PDB file of N, CA and C in Angstrom:
ATOM      1  N   MET A   1     -43.297 -21.912   0.131  1.00  0.00           N
ATOM      2  CA  MET A   1     -42.149 -20.961   0.851  1.00  0.00           C
ATOM      3  C   MET A   1     -40.917 -22.045   0.115  1.00  0.00           C
ATOM      4  N   LYS A   2     -39.986 -20.723  -0.054  1.00  0.00           N
ATOM      5  CA  LYS A   2     -38.791 -21.416  -0.792  1.00  0.00           C
ATOM      6  C   LYS A   2     -37.517 -21.039   0.616  1.00  0.00           C
ATOM      7  N   ARG A   3     -37.029 -22.104   1.101  1.00  0.00           N
ATOM      8  CA  ARG A   3     -35.762 -21.702   1.982  1.00  0.00           C
ATOM      9  C   ARG A   3     -34.308 -22.286   1.716  1.00  0.00           C
ATOM     10  N   LEU A   4     -33.800 -21.437   1.871  1.00  0.00           N
ATOM     11  CA  LEU A   4     -32.342 -21.375   1.500  1.00  0.00           C
ATOM     12  C   LEU A   4     -31.575 -21.341   2.678  1.00  0.00           C
ATOM     13  N   ARG A   5     -30.227 -22.128   2.830  1.00  0.00           N
ATOM     14  CA  ARG A   5     -29.596 -22.120   3.997  1.00  0.00           C
ATOM     15  C   ARG A   5     -27.743 -21.417   3.565  1.00  0.00           C
ATOM     16  N   PHE A   6     -27.438 -20.780   4.967  1.00  0.00           N
ATOM     17  CA  PHE A   6     -26.051 -20.122   4.499  1.00  0.00           C
ATOM     18  C   PHE A   6     -25.499 -20.322   5.838  1.00  0.00           C
ATOM     19  N   ARG A   7     -24.091 -19.883   5.523  1.00  0.00           N
ATOM     20  CA  ARG A   7     -23.554 -20.285   6.514  1.00  0.00           C
ATOM     21  C   ARG A   7     -22.990 -18.553   7.042  1.00  0.00           C
ATOM     22  N   LEU A   8     -22.680 -17.962   8.605  1.00  0.00           N
ATOM     23  CA  LEU A   8     -22.288 -16.560   8.671  1.00  0.00           C
ATOM     24  C   LEU A   8     -20.972 -17.111   9.901  1.00  0.00           C
ATOM     25  N   ALA A   9     -20.002 -16.099   9.782  1.00  0.00           N
ATOM     26  CA  ALA A   9     -18.852 -15.937  10.603  1.00  0.00           C
ATOM     27  C   ALA A   9     -18.557 -14.409  10.785  1.00  0.00           C
ATOM     28  N   ILE A  10     -18.985 -13.443  11.313  1.00  0.00           N
ATOM     29  CA  ILE A  10     -18.665 -12.342  11.455  1.00  0.00           C
ATOM     30  C   ILE A  10     -18.381 -12.063  13.259  1.00  0.00           C
ATOM     31  N   SER A  11     -16.955 -11.398  13.384  1.00  0.00           N
ATOM     32  CA  SER A  11     -16.751 -10.917  14.211  1.00  0.00           C
ATOM     33  C   SER A  11     -17.465 -10.027  15.021  1.00  0.00           C
ATOM     34  N   ARG A  12     -17.262  -9.834  16.320  1.00  0.00           N
ATOM     35  CA  ARG A  12     -17.842  -8.383  16.780  1.00  0.00           C
ATOM     36  C   ARG A  12     -17.280  -7.225  16.223  1.00  0.00           C
ATOM     37  N   PRO A  13     -16.219  -7.052  16.387  1.00  0.00           N
ATOM     38  CA  PRO A  13     -15.380  -5.921  15.597  1.00  0.00           C
ATOM     39  C   PRO A  13     -16.363  -5.541  14.421  1.00  0.00           C
ATOM     40  N   GLU A  14     -16.110  -6.638  13.416  1.00  0.00           N
ATOM     41  CA  GLU A  14     -16.777  -6.642  12.182  1.00  0.00           C
ATOM     42  C   GLU A  14     -17.902  -6.047  12.177  1.00  0.00           C
ATOM     43  N   LEU A  15     -18.731  -6.631  13.405  1.00  0.00           N
ATOM     44  CA  LEU A  15     -20.197  -6.282  13.522  1.00  0.00           C
ATOM     45  C   LEU A  15     -20.618  -4.875  13.785  1.00  0.00           C
ATOM     46  N   LEU A  16     -19.885  -4.618  14.442  1.00  0.00           N
ATOM     47  CA  LEU A  16     -19.792  -3.355  14.753  1.00  0.00           C
ATOM     48  C   LEU A  16     -19.676  -1.912  13.763  1.00  0.00           C
ATOM     49  N   GLN A  17     -18.802  -2.378  12.347  1.00  0.00           N
ATOM     50  CA  GLN A  17     -18.962  -1.676  11.957  1.00  0.00           C
ATOM     51  C   GLN A  17     -20.253  -1.572  10.868  1.00  0.00           C
ATOM     52  N   TYR A  18     -20.778  -2.590  10.468  1.00  0.00           N
ATOM     53  CA  TYR A  18     -22.008  -2.683   9.977  1.00  0.00           C
ATOM     54  C   TYR A  18     -23.250  -1.762  10.961  1.00  0.00           C
ATOM     55  N   TYR A  19     -22.958  -1.931  12.523  1.00  0.00           N
ATOM     56  CA  TYR A  19     -24.326  -1.364  13.011  1.00  0.00           C
ATOM     57  C   TYR A  19     -23.837   0.214  13.179  1.00  0.00           C
ATOM     58  N   GLN A  20     -22.780   0.446  12.923  1.00  0.00           N
ATOM     59  CA  GLN A  20     -22.694   2.245  12.907  1.00  0.00           C
ATOM     60  C   GLN A  20     -22.980   2.826  11.534  1.00  0.00           C
ATOM     61  N   GLY A  21     -23.604   2.052  11.070  1.00  0.00           N
ATOM     62  CA  GLY A  21     -24.108   2.856   9.665  1.00  0.00           C
ATOM     63  C   GLY A  21     -23.946   2.602   7.916  1.00  0.00           C
ATOM     64  N   ARG A  22     -22.692   1.797   8.465  1.00  0.00           N
ATOM     65  CA  ARG A  22     -21.790   1.603   6.923  1.00  0.00           C
ATOM     66  C   ARG A  22     -22.572   0.748   5.694  1.00  0.00           C
ATOM     67  N   VAL A  23     -23.183   0.077   6.472  1.00  0.00           N
ATOM     68  CA  VAL A  23     -24.188  -1.083   5.537  1.00  0.00           C
ATOM     69  C   VAL A  23     -25.169  -1.476   6.504  1.00  0.00           C
ATOM     70  N   ALA A  24     -26.482  -1.447   5.355  1.00  0.00           N
ATOM     71  CA  ALA A  24     -27.599  -1.773   5.707  1.00  0.00           C
ATOM     72  C   ALA A  24     -28.177  -2.934   5.656  1.00  0.00           C
ATOM     73  N   SER A  25     -27.409  -3.984   4.492  1.00  0.00           N
ATOM     74  CA  SER A  25     -27.486  -5.403   4.539  1.00  0.00           C
ATOM     75  C   SER A  25     -26.397  -6.048   4.139  1.00  0.00           C
ATOM     76  N   LEU A  26     -26.825  -7.756   4.545  1.00  0.00           N
ATOM     77  CA  LEU A  26     -25.679  -8.506   4.422  1.00  0.00           C
ATOM     78  C   LEU A  26     -25.751  -9.204   2.949  1.00  0.00           C
ATOM     79  N   SER A  27     -24.829  -9.681   2.224  1.00  0.00           N
ATOM     80  CA  SER A  27     -24.692 -10.540   0.902  1.00  0.00           C
ATOM     81  C   SER A  27     -24.141 -12.021   1.544  1.00  0.00           C
ATOM     82  N   VAL A  28     -24.973 -12.572   1.110  1.00  0.00           N
ATOM     83  CA  VAL A  28     -24.959 -14.034   1.720  1.00  0.00           C
ATOM     84  C   VAL A  28     -24.809 -14.947   0.623  1.00  0.00           C
ATOM     85  N   MET A  29     -24.138 -15.949   0.286  1.00  0.00           N
ATOM     86  CA  MET A  29     -24.088 -17.058  -0.275  1.00  0.00           C
ATOM     87  C   MET A  29     -24.636 -18.115  -0.126  1.00  0.00           C
ATOM     88  N   THR A  30     -25.685 -18.606  -0.320  1.00  0.00           N
ATOM     89  CA  THR A  30     -26.216 -19.626  -0.303  1.00  0.00           C
ATOM     90  C   THR A  30     -25.952 -20.986  -0.322  1.00  0.00           C
ATOM     91  N   GLU A  31     -26.055 -22.645   0.408  1.00  0.00           N
ATOM     92  CA  GLU A  31     -25.940 -23.627   0.108  1.00  0.00           C
ATOM     93  C   GLU A  31     -26.118 -23.712  -1.575  1.00  0.00           C
ATOM     94  N   GLN A  32     -27.210 -23.100  -1.781  1.00  0.00           N
ATOM     95  CA  GLN A  32     -27.668 -23.677  -3.503  1.00  0.00           C
ATOM     96  C   GLN A  32     -27.142 -22.526  -4.191  1.00  0.00           C
ATOM     97  N   GLY A  33     -26.323 -21.663  -3.320  1.00  0.00           N
ATOM     98  CA  GLY A  33     -25.470 -21.232  -5.271  1.00  0.00           C
ATOM     99  C   GLY A  33     -26.228 -19.327  -5.068  1.00  0.00           C
ATOM    100  N   LEU A  34     -27.049 -19.359  -4.783  1.00  0.00           N
ATOM    101  CA  LEU A  34     -27.736 -18.154  -5.060  1.00  0.00           C
ATOM    102  C   LEU A  34     -27.101 -16.903  -4.031  1.00  0.00           C
ATOM    103  N   ARG A  35     -27.040 -15.745  -4.560  1.00  0.00           N
ATOM    104  CA  ARG A  35     -26.412 -14.896  -3.433  1.00  0.00           C
ATOM    105  C   ARG A  35     -27.526 -13.792  -3.138  1.00  0.00           C
ATOM    106  N   LEU A  36     -27.764 -13.477  -1.859  1.00  0.00           N
ATOM    107  CA  LEU A  36     -28.790 -12.255  -1.698  1.00  0.00           C
ATOM    108  C   LEU A  36     -28.819 -11.672  -0.526  1.00  0.00           C
ATOM    109  N   GLN A  37     -29.213 -10.656  -0.542  1.00  0.00           N
ATOM    110  CA  GLN A  37     -29.044  -9.265   0.292  1.00  0.00           C
ATOM    111  C   GLN A  37     -30.110  -9.334   1.417  1.00  0.00           C
ATOM    112  N   VAL A  38     -29.792  -9.348   2.792  1.00  0.00           N
ATOM    113  CA  VAL A  38     -30.801  -9.563   3.633  1.00  0.00           C
ATOM    114  C   VAL A  38     -30.449  -8.460   4.581  1.00  0.00           C
ATOM    115  N   PRO A  39     -31.316  -7.683   4.915  1.00  0.00           N
ATOM    116  CA  PRO A  39     -31.330  -6.397   5.631  1.00  0.00           C
ATOM    117  C   PRO A  39     -30.710  -6.820   6.813  1.00  0.00           C
ATOM    118  N   LEU A  40     -29.750  -5.886   7.555  1.00  0.00           N
ATOM    119  CA  LEU A  40     -29.303  -6.500   8.544  1.00  0.00           C
ATOM    120  C   LEU A  40     -30.015  -6.728  10.192  1.00  0.00           C
ATOM    121  N   HIS A  41     -31.275  -5.989   9.924  1.00  0.00           N
ATOM    122  CA  HIS A  41     -32.110  -5.786  11.159  1.00  0.00           C
ATOM    123  C   HIS A  41     -32.335  -7.300  11.315  1.00  0.00           C
ATOM    124  N   HIS A  42     -32.763  -8.108  10.409  1.00  0.00           N
ATOM    125  CA  HIS A  42     -33.371  -9.504  10.383  1.00  0.00           C
ATOM    126  C   HIS A  42     -32.395 -10.535  11.493  1.00  0.00           C
ATOM    127  N   PHE A  43     -31.204 -10.249  11.788  1.00  0.00           N
ATOM    128  CA  PHE A  43     -30.172 -10.503  12.222  1.00  0.00           C
ATOM    129  C   PHE A  43     -29.725 -10.460  13.513  1.00  0.00           C
ATOM    130  N   ARG A  44     -30.472  -9.214  14.254  1.00  0.00           N
ATOM    131  CA  ARG A  44     -30.129  -8.804  15.526  1.00  0.00           C
ATOM    132  C   ARG A  44     -30.600 -10.297  16.610  1.00  0.00           C
ATOM    133  N   PRO A  45     -31.900 -10.503  16.435  1.00  0.00           N
ATOM    134  CA  PRO A  45     -31.649 -11.784  17.795  1.00  0.00           C
ATOM    135  C   PRO A  45     -30.606 -12.885  17.696  1.00  0.00           C
ATOM    136  N   PHE A  46     -29.760 -12.931  16.593  1.00  0.00           N
ATOM    137  CA  PHE A  46     -28.723 -13.870  17.312  1.00  0.00           C
ATOM    138  C   PHE A  46     -27.525 -13.615  17.174  1.00  0.00           C
ATOM    139  N   VAL A  47     -27.149 -12.478  17.338  1.00  0.00           N
ATOM    140  CA  VAL A  47     -25.989 -11.332  17.596  1.00  0.00           C
ATOM    141  C   VAL A  47     -25.753 -11.705  19.224  1.00  0.00           C
ATOM    142  N   GLY A  48     -24.203 -12.247  19.150  1.00  0.00           N
ATOM    143  CA  GLY A  48     -23.595 -12.635  20.599  1.00  0.00           C
ATOM    144  C   GLY A  48     -22.642 -11.763  20.739  1.00  0.00           C
ATOM    145  N   HIS A  49     -22.162 -12.067  21.945  1.00  0.00           N
ATOM    146  CA  HIS A  49     -20.675 -11.632  22.378  1.00  0.00           C
ATOM    147  C   HIS A  49     -19.739 -11.664  21.498  1.00  0.00           C
ATOM    148  N   ASP A  50     -19.276 -12.487  20.923  1.00  0.00           N
ATOM    149  CA  ASP A  50     -18.443 -13.220  19.535  1.00  0.00           C
ATOM    150  C   ASP A  50     -18.885 -12.601  18.358  1.00  0.00           C
ATOM    151  N   GLY A  51     -20.130 -11.640  18.152  1.00  0.00           N
ATOM    152  CA  GLY A  51     -20.389 -11.685  16.921  1.00  0.00           C
ATOM    153  C   GLY A  51     -21.897 -12.456  16.289  1.00  0.00           C
ATOM    154  N   LEU A  52     -21.461 -12.586  15.330  1.00  0.00           N
ATOM    155  CA  LEU A  52     -22.600 -13.243  14.494  1.00  0.00           C
ATOM    156  C   LEU A  52     -22.215 -14.624  13.940  1.00  0.00           C
ATOM    157  N   ASN A  53     -22.504 -15.902  14.441  1.00  0.00           N
ATOM    158  CA  ASN A  53     -22.027 -16.970  13.805  1.00  0.00           C
ATOM    159  C   ASN A  53     -22.838 -17.985  13.919  1.00  0.00           C
ATOM    160  N   GLY A  54     -22.783 -19.035  12.791  1.00  0.00           N
ATOM    161  CA  GLY A  54     -24.089 -19.985  12.684  1.00  0.00           C
ATOM    162  C   GLY A  54     -24.506 -20.006  11.336  1.00  0.00           C
ATOM    163  N   ARG A  55     -25.340 -20.985  11.082  1.00  0.00           N
ATOM    164  CA  ARG A  55     -25.748 -22.088   9.930  1.00  0.00           C
ATOM    165  C   ARG A  55     -27.297 -21.439   9.977  1.00  0.00           C
ATOM    166  N   PHE A  56     -27.784 -20.457   8.872  1.00  0.00           N
ATOM    167  CA  PHE A  56     -29.104 -20.366   8.983  1.00  0.00           C
ATOM    168  C   PHE A  56     -29.835 -20.489   7.735  1.00  0.00           C
ATOM    169  N   GLU A  57     -31.279 -20.391   8.221  1.00  0.00           N
ATOM    170  CA  GLU A  57     -32.395 -20.792   6.982  1.00  0.00           C
ATOM    171  C   GLU A  57     -33.209 -19.766   6.739  1.00  0.00           C
ATOM    172  N   ILE A  58     -33.219 -19.339   5.500  1.00  0.00           N
ATOM    173  CA  ILE A  58     -33.841 -18.071   5.410  1.00  0.00           C
ATOM    174  C   ILE A  58     -35.345 -18.416   4.448  1.00  0.00           C
ATOM    175  N   GLU A  59     -36.972 -18.256   4.878  1.00  0.00           N
ATOM    176  CA  GLU A  59     -37.903 -18.808   4.128  1.00  0.00           C
ATOM    177  C   GLU A  59     -38.303 -17.441   3.325  1.00  0.00           C
ATOM    178  N   LEU A  60     -38.586 -17.922   2.518  1.00  0.00           N
ATOM    179  CA  LEU A  60     -39.268 -16.593   1.102  1.00  0.00           C
ATOM    180  C   LEU A  60     -40.363 -17.175   0.626  1.00  0.00           C
ATOM    181  N   SER A  61     -41.240 -16.147   0.634  1.00  0.00           N
ATOM    182  CA  SER A  61     -42.482 -16.539  -0.035  1.00  0.00           C
ATOM    183  C   SER A  61     -42.269 -16.862  -1.207  1.00  0.00           C
ATOM    184  N   SER A  62     -43.756 -17.189  -2.033  1.00  0.00           N
ATOM    185  CA  SER A  62     -43.578 -17.477  -3.372  1.00  0.00           C
ATOM    186  C   SER A  62     -43.171 -16.164  -4.350  1.00  0.00           C
ATOM    187  N   GLY A  63     -43.064 -14.814  -3.529  1.00  0.00           N
ATOM    188  CA  GLY A  63     -42.855 -13.872  -4.305  1.00  0.00           C
ATOM    189  C   GLY A  63     -41.884 -13.476  -4.092  1.00  0.00           C
ATOM    190  N   ASN A  64     -40.594 -14.340  -3.217  1.00  0.00           N
ATOM    191  CA  ASN A  64     -39.692 -14.286  -3.100  1.00  0.00           C
ATOM    192  C   ASN A  64     -39.353 -12.852  -1.786  1.00  0.00           C
ATOM    193  N   GLN A  65     -40.213 -12.751  -1.368  1.00  0.00           N
ATOM    194  CA  GLN A  65     -40.174 -12.106   0.005  1.00  0.00           C
ATOM    195  C   GLN A  65     -39.946 -12.644   1.336  1.00  0.00           C
ATOM    196  N   PHE A  66     -38.956 -11.710   1.986  1.00  0.00           N
ATOM    197  CA  PHE A  66     -38.597 -12.381   3.447  1.00  0.00           C
ATOM    198  C   PHE A  66     -40.146 -12.883   4.319  1.00  0.00           C
ATOM    199  N   HIS A  67     -40.051 -13.851   4.919  1.00  0.00           N
ATOM    200  CA  HIS A  67     -40.947 -14.345   5.644  1.00  0.00           C
ATOM    201  C   HIS A  67     -40.225 -14.627   7.310  1.00  0.00           C
ATOM    202  N   ARG A  68     -38.897 -15.681   7.149  1.00  0.00           N
ATOM    203  CA  ARG A  68     -38.818 -15.579   8.564  1.00  0.00           C
ATOM    204  C   ARG A  68     -36.794 -16.080   8.247  1.00  0.00           C
ATOM    205  N   LEU A  69     -36.193 -15.663   9.302  1.00  0.00           N
ATOM    206  CA  LEU A  69     -35.136 -16.312   9.255  1.00  0.00           C
ATOM    207  C   LEU A  69     -34.879 -17.110  10.295  1.00  0.00           C
ATOM    208  N   LEU A  70     -34.222 -18.443  10.411  1.00  0.00           N
ATOM    209  CA  LEU A  70     -34.115 -18.988  12.007  1.00  0.00           C
ATOM    210  C   LEU A  70     -32.672 -19.231  11.634  1.00  0.00           C
ATOM    211  N   ARG A  71     -31.834 -19.756  13.089  1.00  0.00           N
ATOM    212  CA  ARG A  71     -30.428 -20.338  13.010  1.00  0.00           C
ATOM    213  C   ARG A  71     -31.034 -21.811  13.435  1.00  0.00           C
ATOM    214  N   LEU A  72     -30.326 -22.586  12.751  1.00  0.00           N
ATOM    215  CA  LEU A  72     -30.044 -24.108  12.544  1.00  0.00           C
ATOM    216  C   LEU A  72     -29.154 -24.586  13.879  1.00  0.00           C
TER     217      LEU A  72
END
């Protein structure tokens, strides 16, 4: 498994635009310097009243397929 970490700070109004169908995935820059496209639905469990904030770790399989997303 490959583990990559990144931070997000998306306000509630910004996030609502994503959920209105304008965007299907988020582009994130990892701490390792890689840019990833992560489907928005993976972040739903982490959305709060203030939006989507925090440090996250994504686990990818050996074929670079999504395995899981954790908030650290």
